[in-house]
PDB file of N, CA and C in Angstrom:
ATOM      1  N   UNK A   1       0.687  -0.978  -0.083  1.00  0.00           N
ATOM      2  CA  UNK A   1       0.079   0.035   0.196  1.00  0.00           C
ATOM      3  C   UNK A   1       1.102   1.588   0.239  1.00  0.00           C
ATOM      4  N   UNK A   2       2.078   1.270   0.739  1.00  0.00           N
ATOM      5  CA  UNK A   2       3.047   2.786   1.045  1.00  0.00           C
ATOM      6  C   UNK A   2       3.112   2.384  -0.393  1.00  0.00           C
ATOM      7  N   UNK A   3       4.021   1.436  -1.114  1.00  0.00           N
ATOM      8  CA  UNK A   3       4.367   1.243  -2.686  1.00  0.00           C
ATOM      9  C   UNK A   3       3.469   2.224  -3.716  1.00  0.00           C
ATOM     10  N   UNK A   4       1.707   1.818  -3.354  1.00  0.00           N
ATOM     11  CA  UNK A   4       1.079   2.257  -4.163  1.00  0.00           C
ATOM     12  C   UNK A   4       1.356   3.973  -4.024  1.00  0.00           C
ATOM     13  N   UNK A   5       0.607   4.715  -3.099  1.00  0.00           N
ATOM     14  CA  UNK A   5       0.678   5.405  -2.179  1.00  0.00           C
ATOM     15  C   UNK A   5       2.223   6.953  -3.184  1.00  0.00           C
ATOM     16  N   UNK A   6       3.265   5.930  -2.695  1.00  0.00           N
ATOM     17  CA  UNK A   6       4.371   6.677  -3.055  1.00  0.00           C
ATOM     18  C   UNK A   6       4.508   6.979  -4.800  1.00  0.00           C
ATOM     19  N   UNK A   7       4.447   5.502  -4.944  1.00  0.00           N
ATOM     20  CA  UNK A   7       4.640   5.467  -6.594  1.00  0.00           C
ATOM     21  C   UNK A   7       2.913   7.127  -7.474  1.00  0.00           C
ATOM     22  N   UNK A   8       2.206   7.164  -6.532  1.00  0.00           N
ATOM     23  CA  UNK A   8       1.329   8.100  -7.204  1.00  0.00           C
ATOM     24  C   UNK A   8       2.010   9.242  -6.989  1.00  0.00           C
ATOM     25  N   UNK A   9       2.557   9.562  -5.776  1.00  0.00           N
ATOM     26  CA  UNK A   9       2.807  10.467  -5.089  1.00  0.00           C
ATOM     27  C   UNK A   9       4.065  11.276  -6.142  1.00  0.00           C
ATOM     28  N   UNK A  10       5.188  10.458  -6.028  1.00  0.00           N
ATOM     29  CA  UNK A  10       5.865  10.796  -7.544  1.00  0.00           C
ATOM     30  C   UNK A  10       5.612  10.704  -8.858  1.00  0.00           C
ATOM     31  N   UNK A  11       3.840  10.143  -9.608  1.00  0.00           N
ATOM     32  CA  UNK A  11       3.800  10.509 -10.676  1.00  0.00           C
ATOM     33  C   UNK A  11       3.545  11.872 -10.873  1.00  0.00           C
ATOM     34  N   UNK A  12       2.541  12.100  -9.446  1.00  0.00           N
ATOM     35  CA  UNK A  12       1.695  13.522  -9.334  1.00  0.00           C
ATOM     36  C   UNK A  12       3.274  14.770  -9.547  1.00  0.00           C
ATOM     37  N   UNK A  13       4.161  14.087  -8.605  1.00  0.00           N
ATOM     38  CA  UNK A  13       5.414  15.789  -9.148  1.00  0.00           C
ATOM     39  C   UNK A  13       6.220  15.418 -10.552  1.00  0.00           C
ATOM     40  N   UNK A  14       5.972  14.278 -10.872  1.00  0.00           N
ATOM     41  CA  UNK A  14       6.857  14.101 -12.299  1.00  0.00           C
ATOM     42  C   UNK A  14       5.469  15.260 -13.458  1.00  0.00           C
ATOM     43  N   UNK A  15       4.831  14.555 -13.448  1.00  0.00           N
ATOM     44  CA  UNK A  15       3.960  14.925 -13.987  1.00  0.00           C
ATOM     45  C   UNK A  15       3.269  16.824 -13.929  1.00  0.00           C
ATOM     46  N   UNK A  16       3.687  17.667 -12.822  1.00  0.00           N
ATOM     47  CA  UNK A  16       3.919  19.165 -12.589  1.00  0.00           C
ATOM     48  C   UNK A  16       5.204  19.088 -13.100  1.00  0.00           C
ATOM     49  N   UNK A  17       5.929  18.455 -12.806  1.00  0.00           N
ATOM     50  CA  UNK A  17       7.193  18.986 -13.615  1.00  0.00           C
ATOM     51  C   UNK A  17       7.612  19.266 -15.164  1.00  0.00           C
ATOM     52  N   UNK A  18       6.813  18.560 -15.523  1.00  0.00           N
ATOM     53  CA  UNK A  18       6.753  17.930 -16.995  1.00  0.00           C
ATOM     54  C   UNK A  18       6.182  18.765 -17.898  1.00  0.00           C
ATOM     55  N   UNK A  19       4.753  19.721 -16.670  1.00  0.00           N
ATOM     56  CA  UNK A  19       3.494  20.407 -17.458  1.00  0.00           C
ATOM     57  C   UNK A  19       4.117  21.544 -18.189  1.00  0.00           C
ATOM     58  N   UNK A  20       3.195  21.634 -19.006  1.00  0.00           N
ATOM     59  CA  UNK A  20       3.595  22.510 -20.175  1.00  0.00           C
ATOM     60  C   UNK A  20       2.749  23.608 -19.664  1.00  0.00           C
ATOM     61  N   UNK A  21       3.574  24.298 -19.638  1.00  0.00           N
ATOM     62  CA  UNK A  21       2.973  25.830 -18.929  1.00  0.00           C
ATOM     63  C   UNK A  21       3.315  26.950 -19.260  1.00  0.00           C
ATOM     64  N   UNK A  22       2.839  27.500 -20.700  1.00  0.00           N
ATOM     65  CA  UNK A  22       3.226  29.178 -21.353  1.00  0.00           C
ATOM     66  C   UNK A  22       2.113  29.970 -20.642  1.00  0.00           C
ATOM     67  N   UNK A  23       1.873  29.934 -19.473  1.00  0.00           N
ATOM     68  CA  UNK A  23       0.513  30.836 -18.992  1.00  0.00           C
ATOM     69  C   UNK A  23       1.274  32.627 -18.727  1.00  0.00           C
ATOM     70  N   UNK A  24       2.204  32.816 -18.459  1.00  0.00           N
ATOM     71  CA  UNK A  24       2.993  33.805 -18.812  1.00  0.00           C
ATOM     72  C   UNK A  24       4.292  34.267 -19.577  1.00  0.00           C
ATOM     73  N   UNK A  25       5.068  34.981 -19.310  1.00  0.00           N
ATOM     74  CA  UNK A  25       6.201  35.184 -19.677  1.00  0.00           C
ATOM     75  C   UNK A  25       6.938  34.487 -18.655  1.00  0.00           C
ATOM     76  N   UNK A  26       7.002  35.165 -17.468  1.00  0.00           N
ATOM     77  CA  UNK A  26       7.624  34.331 -16.337  1.00  0.00           C
ATOM     78  C   UNK A  26       8.046  33.144 -16.705  1.00  0.00           C
ATOM     79  N   UNK A  27       6.733  32.088 -16.093  1.00  0.00           N
ATOM     80  CA  UNK A  27       6.639  30.703 -15.913  1.00  0.00           C
ATOM     81  C   UNK A  27       7.321  30.053 -17.787  1.00  0.00           C
ATOM     82  N   UNK A  28       6.880  30.834 -18.942  1.00  0.00           N
ATOM     83  CA  UNK A  28       7.259  30.629 -19.955  1.00  0.00           C
ATOM     84  C   UNK A  28       9.096  30.668 -20.051  1.00  0.00           C
ATOM     85  N   UNK A  29       9.216  31.060 -19.691  1.00  0.00           N
ATOM     86  CA  UNK A  29      11.128  31.567 -19.481  1.00  0.00           C
ATOM     87  C   UNK A  29      11.652  30.235 -18.926  1.00  0.00           C
ATOM     88  N   UNK A  30      11.076  30.287 -17.479  1.00  0.00           N
ATOM     89  CA  UNK A  30      11.420  29.291 -16.919  1.00  0.00           C
ATOM     90  C   UNK A  30      11.471  27.751 -17.238  1.00  0.00           C
ATOM     91  N   UNK A  31      10.300  27.357 -17.774  1.00  0.00           N
ATOM     92  CA  UNK A  31       9.969  26.621 -18.849  1.00  0.00           C
ATOM     93  C   UNK A  31      11.270  26.483 -19.777  1.00  0.00           C
ATOM     94  N   UNK A  32      11.370  27.289 -20.669  1.00  0.00           N
ATOM     95  CA  UNK A  32      12.854  27.362 -21.311  1.00  0.00           C
ATOM     96  C   UNK A  32      13.716  27.143 -20.961  1.00  0.00           C
ATOM     97  N   UNK A  33      14.002  27.509 -19.556  1.00  0.00           N
ATOM     98  CA  UNK A  33      15.335  27.477 -19.071  1.00  0.00           C
ATOM     99  C   UNK A  33      15.289  25.600 -18.781  1.00  0.00           C
ATOM    100  N   UNK A  34      14.742  25.420 -18.791  1.00  0.00           N
ATOM    101  CA  UNK A  34      14.435  23.987 -18.149  1.00  0.00           C
ATOM    102  C   UNK A  34      15.191  23.376 -19.272  1.00  0.00           C
ATOM    103  N   UNK A  35      14.547  23.671 -19.932  1.00  0.00           N
ATOM    104  CA  UNK A  35      14.232  22.736 -21.108  1.00  0.00           C
ATOM    105  C   UNK A  35      16.098  22.529 -21.601  1.00  0.00           C
ATOM    106  N   UNK A  36      16.121  23.909 -22.013  1.00  0.00           N
ATOM    107  CA  UNK A  36      17.617  23.931 -22.501  1.00  0.00           C
ATOM    108  C   UNK A  36      18.577  23.329 -21.953  1.00  0.00           C
ATOM    109  N   UNK A  37      18.496  23.629 -20.740  1.00  0.00           N
ATOM    110  CA  UNK A  37      20.118  23.746 -19.385  1.00  0.00           C
ATOM    111  C   UNK A  37      19.992  22.718 -18.901  1.00  0.00           C
ATOM    112  N   UNK A  38      18.606  22.376 -18.638  1.00  0.00           N
ATOM    113  CA  UNK A  38      18.205  20.267 -17.392  1.00  0.00           C
ATOM    114  C   UNK A  38      18.446  19.342 -18.319  1.00  0.00           C
ATOM    115  N   UNK A  39      16.702  19.516 -19.017  1.00  0.00           N
ATOM    116  CA  UNK A  39      17.034  18.312 -19.734  1.00  0.00           C
ATOM    117  C   UNK A  39      17.400  18.355 -21.238  1.00  0.00           C
ATOM    118  N   UNK A  40      18.108  19.159 -21.586  1.00  0.00           N
ATOM    119  CA  UNK A  40      18.157  19.768 -22.675  1.00  0.00           C
ATOM    120  C   UNK A  40      17.882  18.500 -23.580  1.00  0.00           C
ATOM    121  N   UNK A  41      16.883  19.230 -23.764  1.00  0.00           N
ATOM    122  CA  UNK A  41      15.791  18.341 -24.743  1.00  0.00           C
ATOM    123  C   UNK A  41      15.199  19.292 -25.969  1.00  0.00           C
ATOM    124  N   UNK A  42      15.325  19.280 -26.950  1.00  0.00           N
ATOM    125  CA  UNK A  42      15.622  20.015 -28.350  1.00  0.00           C
ATOM    126  C   UNK A  42      13.681  19.870 -28.249  1.00  0.00           C
ATOM    127  N   UNK A  43      13.150  19.148 -28.254  1.00  0.00           N
ATOM    128  CA  UNK A  43      11.686  18.544 -28.250  1.00  0.00           C
ATOM    129  C   UNK A  43      10.729  19.739 -27.570  1.00  0.00           C
ATOM    130  N   UNK A  44      11.279  19.492 -26.764  1.00  0.00           N
ATOM    131  CA  UNK A  44      11.001  20.326 -25.058  1.00  0.00           C
ATOM    132  C   UNK A  44      11.273  21.438 -25.954  1.00  0.00           C
ATOM    133  N   UNK A  45      12.326  22.056 -25.872  1.00  0.00           N
ATOM    134  CA  UNK A  45      12.450  23.928 -26.074  1.00  0.00           C
ATOM    135  C   UNK A  45      11.456  24.391 -27.026  1.00  0.00           C
ATOM    136  N   UNK A  46      10.968  23.586 -27.973  1.00  0.00           N
ATOM    137  CA  UNK A  46       9.994  24.002 -29.110  1.00  0.00           C
ATOM    138  C   UNK A  46       8.978  24.432 -28.905  1.00  0.00           C
ATOM    139  N   UNK A  47       8.513  23.829 -27.017  1.00  0.00           N
ATOM    140  CA  UNK A  47       7.262  23.545 -26.606  1.00  0.00           C
ATOM    141  C   UNK A  47       7.028  25.311 -26.302  1.00  0.00           C
ATOM    142  N   UNK A  48       8.817  25.923 -25.783  1.00  0.00           N
ATOM    143  CA  UNK A  48       8.173  27.265 -25.091  1.00  0.00           C
ATOM    144  C   UNK A  48       9.206  28.841 -25.915  1.00  0.00           C
ATOM    145  N   UNK A  49       9.299  28.450 -27.212  1.00  0.00           N
ATOM    146  CA  UNK A  49      10.071  29.101 -28.296  1.00  0.00           C
ATOM    147  C   UNK A  49       8.385  29.168 -29.613  1.00  0.00           C
ATOM    148  N   UNK A  50       9.117  30.399 -30.224  1.00  0.00           N
ATOM    149  CA  UNK A  50       8.127  30.902 -31.274  1.00  0.00           C
ATOM    150  C   UNK A  50       8.241  30.288 -32.616  1.00  0.00           C
ATOM    151  N   UNK A  51       7.141  30.501 -33.304  1.00  0.00           N
ATOM    152  CA  UNK A  51       7.584  29.927 -34.783  1.00  0.00           C
ATOM    153  C   UNK A  51       8.794  30.196 -35.011  1.00  0.00           C
ATOM    154  N   UNK A  52       9.520  31.414 -35.200  1.00  0.00           N
ATOM    155  CA  UNK A  52      11.086  30.925 -36.206  1.00  0.00           C
ATOM    156  C   UNK A  52      11.834  30.338 -35.270  1.00  0.00           C
ATOM    157  N   UNK A  53      11.986  30.265 -33.948  1.00  0.00           N
ATOM    158  CA  UNK A  53      13.246  29.342 -33.298  1.00  0.00           C
ATOM    159  C   UNK A  53      13.662  27.792 -34.009  1.00  0.00           C
ATOM    160  N   UNK A  54      14.397  27.977 -34.056  1.00  0.00           N
ATOM    161  CA  UNK A  54      15.013  26.700 -34.670  1.00  0.00           C
ATOM    162  C   UNK A  54      16.473  25.678 -33.787  1.00  0.00           C
ATOM    163  N   UNK A  55      16.334  24.320 -34.499  1.00  0.00           N
ATOM    164  CA  UNK A  55      17.377  24.099 -33.213  1.00  0.00           C
ATOM    165  C   UNK A  55      18.883  24.531 -33.122  1.00  0.00           C
ATOM    166  N   UNK A  56      19.360  25.091 -34.406  1.00  0.00           N
ATOM    167  CA  UNK A  56      20.594  25.375 -33.957  1.00  0.00           C
ATOM    168  C   UNK A  56      20.526  27.154 -33.105  1.00  0.00           C
ATOM    169  N   UNK A  57      19.642  27.411 -32.658  1.00  0.00           N
ATOM    170  CA  UNK A  57      19.564  28.810 -32.384  1.00  0.00           C
ATOM    171  C   UNK A  57      19.061  27.947 -30.583  1.00  0.00           C
ATOM    172  N   UNK A  58      18.951  27.143 -30.530  1.00  0.00           N
ATOM    173  CA  UNK A  58      18.947  26.016 -29.086  1.00  0.00           C
ATOM    174  C   UNK A  58      20.337  25.726 -28.713  1.00  0.00           C
ATOM    175  N   UNK A  59      21.131  24.653 -30.237  1.00  0.00           N
ATOM    176  CA  UNK A  59      22.137  24.718 -29.522  1.00  0.00           C
ATOM    177  C   UNK A  59      23.009  26.277 -28.945  1.00  0.00           C
ATOM    178  N   UNK A  60      23.087  27.406 -30.104  1.00  0.00           N
ATOM    179  CA  UNK A  60      23.960  28.228 -29.575  1.00  0.00           C
ATOM    180  C   UNK A  60      23.592  29.023 -28.027  1.00  0.00           C
ATOM    181  N   UNK A  61      22.694  28.595 -27.555  1.00  0.00           N
ATOM    182  CA  UNK A  61      22.134  29.522 -26.511  1.00  0.00           C
ATOM    183  C   UNK A  61      22.793  28.641 -25.528  1.00  0.00           C
ATOM    184  N   UNK A  62      22.580  26.845 -25.823  1.00  0.00           N
ATOM    185  CA  UNK A  62      23.524  26.149 -24.789  1.00  0.00           C
ATOM    186  C   UNK A  62      24.772  26.185 -25.028  1.00  0.00           C
ATOM    187  N   UNK A  63      25.518  26.471 -26.080  1.00  0.00           N
ATOM    188  CA  UNK A  63      26.645  26.587 -26.135  1.00  0.00           C
ATOM    189  C   UNK A  63      27.382  27.926 -25.323  1.00  0.00           C
ATOM    190  N   UNK A  64      26.687  28.969 -25.205  1.00  0.00           N
ATOM    191  CA  UNK A  64      27.130  30.112 -24.181  1.00  0.00           C
ATOM    192  C   UNK A  64      27.610  29.512 -23.310  1.00  0.00           C
ATOM    193  N   UNK A  65      27.575  28.791 -22.899  1.00  0.00           N
ATOM    194  CA  UNK A  65      28.556  28.267 -20.992  1.00  0.00           C
ATOM    195  C   UNK A  65      28.939  26.865 -21.129  1.00  0.00           C
ATOM    196  N   UNK A  66      30.413  26.647 -21.366  1.00  0.00           N
ATOM    197  CA  UNK A  66      30.759  25.440 -21.229  1.00  0.00           C
ATOM    198  C   UNK A  66      30.220  23.815 -20.551  1.00  0.00           C
ATOM    199  N   UNK A  67      30.300  22.873 -20.733  1.00  0.00           N
ATOM    200  CA  UNK A  67      29.262  21.881 -20.580  1.00  0.00           C
ATOM    201  C   UNK A  67      29.669  21.047 -19.622  1.00  0.00           C
ATOM    202  N   UNK A  68      30.478  21.274 -18.405  1.00  0.00           N
ATOM    203  CA  UNK A  68      31.124  21.490 -17.558  1.00  0.00           C
ATOM    204  C   UNK A  68      30.363  22.274 -16.714  1.00  0.00           C
ATOM    205  N   UNK A  69      29.900  23.545 -16.708  1.00  0.00           N
ATOM    206  CA  UNK A  69      29.778  24.165 -16.068  1.00  0.00           C
ATOM    207  C   UNK A  69      27.731  24.155 -15.755  1.00  0.00           C
ATOM    208  N   UNK A  70      27.621  24.447 -14.408  1.00  0.00           N
ATOM    209  CA  UNK A  70      26.362  24.008 -13.586  1.00  0.00           C
ATOM    210  C   UNK A  70      25.719  25.454 -14.304  1.00  0.00           C
ATOM    211  N   UNK A  71      24.001  25.378 -14.538  1.00  0.00           N
ATOM    212  CA  UNK A  71      23.309  26.499 -15.784  1.00  0.00           C
ATOM    213  C   UNK A  71      22.770  26.741 -13.888  1.00  0.00           C
ATOM    214  N   UNK A  72      22.306  27.433 -13.439  1.00  0.00           N
ATOM    215  CA  UNK A  72      20.843  27.505 -13.373  1.00  0.00           C
ATOM    216  C   UNK A  72      20.184  28.799 -13.233  1.00  0.00           C
ATOM    217  N   UNK A  73      18.955  29.505 -13.017  1.00  0.00           N
ATOM    218  CA  UNK A  73      19.152  30.649 -12.763  1.00  0.00           C
ATOM    219  C   UNK A  73      18.008  31.388 -11.583  1.00  0.00           C
ATOM    220  N   UNK A  74      17.600  32.326 -11.292  1.00  0.00           N
ATOM    221  CA  UNK A  74      17.346  32.774 -10.275  1.00  0.00           C
ATOM    222  C   UNK A  74      16.603  34.374 -11.145  1.00  0.00           C
ATOM    223  N   UNK A  75      15.963  34.776 -10.078  1.00  0.00           N
ATOM    224  CA  UNK A  75      15.371  36.226  -9.977  1.00  0.00           C
ATOM    225  C   UNK A  75      14.747  36.035 -11.291  1.00  0.00           C
ATOM    226  N   UNK A  76      14.053  35.635 -12.206  1.00  0.00           N
ATOM    227  CA  UNK A  76      13.142  35.985 -13.235  1.00  0.00           C
ATOM    228  C   UNK A  76      12.278  36.939 -13.201  1.00  0.00           C
ATOM    229  N   UNK A  77      12.413  37.859 -14.033  1.00  0.00           N
ATOM    230  CA  UNK A  77      11.786  38.777 -13.959  1.00  0.00           C
ATOM    231  C   UNK A  77      10.774  39.500 -14.736  1.00  0.00           C
ATOM    232  N   UNK A  78       9.613  39.851 -14.704  1.00  0.00           N
ATOM    233  CA  UNK A  78       9.247  40.387 -16.035  1.00  0.00           C
ATOM    234  C   UNK A  78       9.395  41.938 -16.373  1.00  0.00           C
ATOM    235  N   UNK A  79      10.068  42.722 -17.139  1.00  0.00           N
ATOM    236  CA  UNK A  79      10.081  43.693 -17.162  1.00  0.00           C
ATOM    237  C   UNK A  79       9.330  45.087 -18.002  1.00  0.00           C
ATOM    238  N   UNK A  80       8.832  44.438 -18.748  1.00  0.00           N
ATOM    239  CA  UNK A  80       7.399  44.700 -19.716  1.00  0.00           C
ATOM    240  C   UNK A  80       6.728  43.765 -20.574  1.00  0.00           C
ATOM    241  N   UNK A  81       5.367  44.294 -20.368  1.00  0.00           N
ATOM    242  CA  UNK A  81       4.656  43.375 -21.055  1.00  0.00           C
ATOM    243  C   UNK A  81       3.307  44.594 -21.987  1.00  0.00           C
ATOM    244  N   UNK A  82       3.742  44.093 -22.803  1.00  0.00           N
ATOM    245  CA  UNK A  82       2.701  45.490 -23.527  1.00  0.00           C
ATOM    246  C   UNK A  82       2.322  44.870 -25.112  1.00  0.00           C
ATOM    247  N   UNK A  83       1.164  44.430 -26.056  1.00  0.00           N
ATOM    248  CA  UNK A  83       0.949  44.557 -27.442  1.00  0.00           C
ATOM    249  C   UNK A  83       1.064  42.697 -27.563  1.00  0.00           C
ATOM    250  N   UNK A  84       1.199  41.602 -26.675  1.00  0.00           N
ATOM    251  CA  UNK A  84       1.291  40.979 -26.815  1.00  0.00           C
ATOM    252  C   UNK A  84       3.239  40.505 -26.809  1.00  0.00           C
ATOM    253  N   UNK A  85       3.797  40.866 -26.167  1.00  0.00           N
ATOM    254  CA  UNK A  85       5.356  41.335 -26.507  1.00  0.00           C
ATOM    255  C   UNK A  85       5.749  41.698 -25.305  1.00  0.00           C
ATOM    256  N   UNK A  86       6.429  40.939 -24.434  1.00  0.00           N
ATOM    257  CA  UNK A  86       6.937  40.768 -23.132  1.00  0.00           C
ATOM    258  C   UNK A  86       8.620  41.060 -22.956  1.00  0.00           C
ATOM    259  N   UNK A  87       9.128  41.297 -22.242  1.00  0.00           N
ATOM    260  CA  UNK A  87      10.740  41.576 -21.461  1.00  0.00           C
ATOM    261  C   UNK A  87      11.030  40.543 -20.392  1.00  0.00           C
ATOM    262  N   UNK A  88      11.721  39.653 -20.716  1.00  0.00           N
ATOM    263  CA  UNK A  88      11.749  39.204 -19.031  1.00  0.00           C
ATOM    264  C   UNK A  88      13.486  38.846 -19.051  1.00  0.00           C
ATOM    265  N   UNK A  89      14.148  39.117 -17.724  1.00  0.00           N
ATOM    266  CA  UNK A  89      15.009  38.678 -17.536  1.00  0.00           C
ATOM    267  C   UNK A  89      15.113  37.827 -16.248  1.00  0.00           C
ATOM    268  N   UNK A  90      16.661  37.355 -15.894  1.00  0.00           N
ATOM    269  CA  UNK A  90      16.876  36.385 -15.214  1.00  0.00           C
ATOM    270  C   UNK A  90      18.363  36.310 -14.882  1.00  0.00           C
ATOM    271  N   UNK A  91      18.881  36.034 -13.605  1.00  0.00           N
ATOM    272  CA  UNK A  91      19.745  36.130 -12.876  1.00  0.00           C
ATOM    273  C   UNK A  91      20.304  34.956 -13.707  1.00  0.00           C
ATOM    274  N   UNK A  92      21.808  34.179 -14.600  1.00  0.00           N
ATOM    275  CA  UNK A  92      21.831  33.222 -14.413  1.00  0.00           C
ATOM    276  C   UNK A  92      22.957  32.732 -13.601  1.00  0.00           C
ATOM    277  N   UNK A  93      23.068  31.462 -12.932  1.00  0.00           N
ATOM    278  CA  UNK A  93      24.153  31.245 -12.014  1.00  0.00           C
ATOM    279  C   UNK A  93      24.633  30.619 -12.551  1.00  0.00           C
ATOM    280  N   UNK A  94      25.873  30.121 -12.563  1.00  0.00           N
ATOM    281  CA  UNK A  94      26.948  29.752 -13.095  1.00  0.00           C
ATOM    282  C   UNK A  94      27.873  28.848 -12.257  1.00  0.00           C
ATOM    283  N   UNK A  95      28.480  27.699 -12.065  1.00  0.00           N
ATOM    284  CA  UNK A  95      28.726  27.069 -10.906  1.00  0.00           C
ATOM    285  C   UNK A  95      29.997  25.925 -11.963  1.00  0.00           C
ATOM    286  N   UNK A  96      31.395  26.331 -11.201  1.00  0.00           N
ATOM    287  CA  UNK A  96      32.173  25.408 -12.234  1.00  0.00           C
ATOM    288  C   UNK A  96      33.622  25.276 -11.330  1.00  0.00           C
ATOM    289  N   UNK A  97      33.337  23.689 -10.704  1.00  0.00           N
ATOM    290  CA  UNK A  97      34.257  23.493  -9.864  1.00  0.00           C
ATOM    291  C   UNK A  97      34.741  24.425  -8.431  1.00  0.00           C
ATOM    292  N   UNK A  98      33.087  24.663  -8.121  1.00  0.00           N
ATOM    293  CA  UNK A  98      33.201  25.281  -6.988  1.00  0.00           C
ATOM    294  C   UNK A  98      33.365  27.058  -7.173  1.00  0.00           C
ATOM    295  N   UNK A  99      33.272  27.352  -7.970  1.00  0.00           N
ATOM    296  CA  UNK A  99      33.754  28.720  -8.530  1.00  0.00           C
ATOM    297  C   UNK A  99      31.656  29.073  -8.712  1.00  0.00           C
ATOM    298  N   UNK A 100      31.737  30.264  -8.483  1.00  0.00           N
ATOM    299  CA  UNK A 100      29.814  30.584  -8.315  1.00  0.00           C
ATOM    300  C   UNK A 100      30.357  32.765  -9.370  1.00  0.00           C
ATOM    301  N   UNK A 101      29.469  32.051 -10.782  1.00  0.00           N
ATOM    302  CA  UNK A 101      29.636  33.482 -11.328  1.00  0.00           C
ATOM    303  C   UNK A 101      27.789  34.036 -11.449  1.00  0.00           C
ATOM    304  N   UNK A 102      27.183  34.946 -12.238  1.00  0.00           N
ATOM    305  CA  UNK A 102      26.712  35.008 -12.686  1.00  0.00           C
ATOM    306  C   UNK A 102      26.608  36.279 -13.782  1.00  0.00           C
ATOM    307  N   UNK A 103      25.279  36.000 -14.253  1.00  0.00           N
ATOM    308  CA  UNK A 103      25.094  37.279 -15.951  1.00  0.00           C
ATOM    309  C   UNK A 103      23.783  37.502 -15.990  1.00  0.00           C
ATOM    310  N   UNK A 104      23.438  38.196 -16.280  1.00  0.00           N
ATOM    311  CA  UNK A 104      22.415  38.904 -16.495  1.00  0.00           C
ATOM    312  C   UNK A 104      21.820  38.500 -17.697  1.00  0.00           C
ATOM    313  N   UNK A 105      20.394  37.888 -18.409  1.00  0.00           N
ATOM    314  CA  UNK A 105      20.470  37.111 -19.502  1.00  0.00           C
ATOM    315  C   UNK A 105      19.035  38.049 -19.549  1.00  0.00           C
ATOM    316  N   UNK A 106      18.761  37.854 -21.378  1.00  0.00           N
ATOM    317  CA  UNK A 106      17.233  39.274 -21.501  1.00  0.00           C
ATOM    318  C   UNK A 106      16.651  38.272 -22.384  1.00  0.00           C
ATOM    319  N   UNK A 107      15.764  37.322 -21.930  1.00  0.00           N
ATOM    320  CA  UNK A 107      14.281  37.006 -22.979  1.00  0.00           C
ATOM    321  C   UNK A 107      12.861  38.071 -23.854  1.00  0.00           C
ATOM    322  N   UNK A 108      13.174  37.665 -25.022  1.00  0.00           N
ATOM    323  CA  UNK A 108      12.196  38.037 -25.641  1.00  0.00           C
ATOM    324  C   UNK A 108      11.301  37.692 -25.476  1.00  0.00           C
ATOM    325  N   UNK A 109      10.033  37.534 -25.323  1.00  0.00           N
ATOM    326  CA  UNK A 109       8.588  36.711 -25.316  1.00  0.00           C
ATOM    327  C   UNK A 109       7.378  37.068 -26.002  1.00  0.00           C
ATOM    328  N   UNK A 110       7.363  36.146 -26.750  1.00  0.00           N
ATOM    329  CA  UNK A 110       5.773  36.875 -27.543  1.00  0.00           C
ATOM    330  C   UNK A 110       4.643  35.756 -27.003  1.00  0.00           C
ATOM    331  N   UNK A 111       3.577  36.739 -27.273  1.00  0.00           N
ATOM    332  CA  UNK A 111       2.178  35.394 -27.090  1.00  0.00           C
ATOM    333  C   UNK A 111       1.738  35.208 -28.141  1.00  0.00           C
ATOM    334  N   UNK A 112       1.859  33.098 -28.322  1.00  0.00           N
ATOM    335  CA  UNK A 112       1.772  32.766 -29.512  1.00  0.00           C
ATOM    336  C   UNK A 112       0.805  31.827 -29.245  1.00  0.00           C
ATOM    337  N   UNK A 113      -0.486  31.552 -29.005  1.00  0.00           N
ATOM    338  CA  UNK A 113      -0.683  30.237 -28.417  1.00  0.00           C
ATOM    339  C   UNK A 113      -0.342  29.619 -26.818  1.00  0.00           C
ATOM    340  N   UNK A 114      -0.527  31.009 -26.439  1.00  0.00           N
ATOM    341  CA  UNK A 114       0.110  30.990 -24.396  1.00  0.00           C
ATOM    342  C   UNK A 114       2.067  31.756 -25.158  1.00  0.00           C
ATOM    343  N   UNK A 115       2.555  31.847 -24.204  1.00  0.00           N
ATOM    344  CA  UNK A 115       3.985  33.203 -23.950  1.00  0.00           C
ATOM    345  C   UNK A 115       4.555  31.851 -24.666  1.00  0.00           C
ATOM    346  N   UNK A 116       5.737  32.395 -25.605  1.00  0.00           N
ATOM    347  CA  UNK A 116       6.414  31.827 -25.776  1.00  0.00           C
ATOM    348  C   UNK A 116       7.914  32.503 -26.130  1.00  0.00           C
ATOM    349  N   UNK A 117       9.284  32.320 -26.103  1.00  0.00           N
ATOM    350  CA  UNK A 117      10.571  32.600 -26.117  1.00  0.00           C
ATOM    351  C   UNK A 117      11.038  32.951 -27.093  1.00  0.00           C
ATOM    352  N   UNK A 118      11.457  34.049 -27.728  1.00  0.00           N
ATOM    353  CA  UNK A 118      11.726  34.253 -29.068  1.00  0.00           C
ATOM    354  C   UNK A 118      12.723  34.795 -29.443  1.00  0.00           C
ATOM    355  N   UNK A 119      13.546  35.133 -28.394  1.00  0.00           N
ATOM    356  CA  UNK A 119      15.015  35.851 -28.325  1.00  0.00           C
ATOM    357  C   UNK A 119      15.706  35.561 -26.953  1.00  0.00           C
ATOM    358  N   UNK A 120      17.296  35.280 -26.518  1.00  0.00           N
ATOM    359  CA  UNK A 120      17.828  34.946 -25.493  1.00  0.00           C
ATOM    360  C   UNK A 120      19.253  35.239 -25.278  1.00  0.00           C
ATOM    361  N   UNK A 121      19.694  35.489 -24.282  1.00  0.00           N
ATOM    362  CA  UNK A 121      20.991  35.611 -24.293  1.00  0.00           C
ATOM    363  C   UNK A 121      21.374  36.824 -23.338  1.00  0.00           C
ATOM    364  N   UNK A 122      22.806  37.206 -23.113  1.00  0.00           N
ATOM    365  CA  UNK A 122      23.137  37.712 -22.442  1.00  0.00           C
ATOM    366  C   UNK A 122      23.083  39.403 -22.291  1.00  0.00           C
ATOM    367  N   UNK A 123      22.670  39.881 -21.404  1.00  0.00           N
ATOM    368  CA  UNK A 123      21.738  41.546 -21.478  1.00  0.00           C
ATOM    369  C   UNK A 123      23.088  42.515 -21.896  1.00  0.00           C
TER     370      UNK A 123
END
């Protein structure tokens, strides 16, 4: 019985972690970052990017950091939101061999069947 409950809780948590959510510009950016830097899954990245986004652009974003650098993010902030276009910034936290560095990134996000990232990179 405990295994069933534990399995059910695990499935619920997994579903929440992998659920597609493009409800706000900041949520879409967080989902995009997770797909690009944690999952490293092009098909998942595509769920959070606009029509003109390409696999090459995903690879370019991922190459912004050495593969041995652990990338996380904090302070994902909506800077502007007007006429279906938004600007979001995030502080990228980079960890390499115990050293920590930060880099400010900006994301241009558009409302296309939910919010989607159209441009991403250092501010």
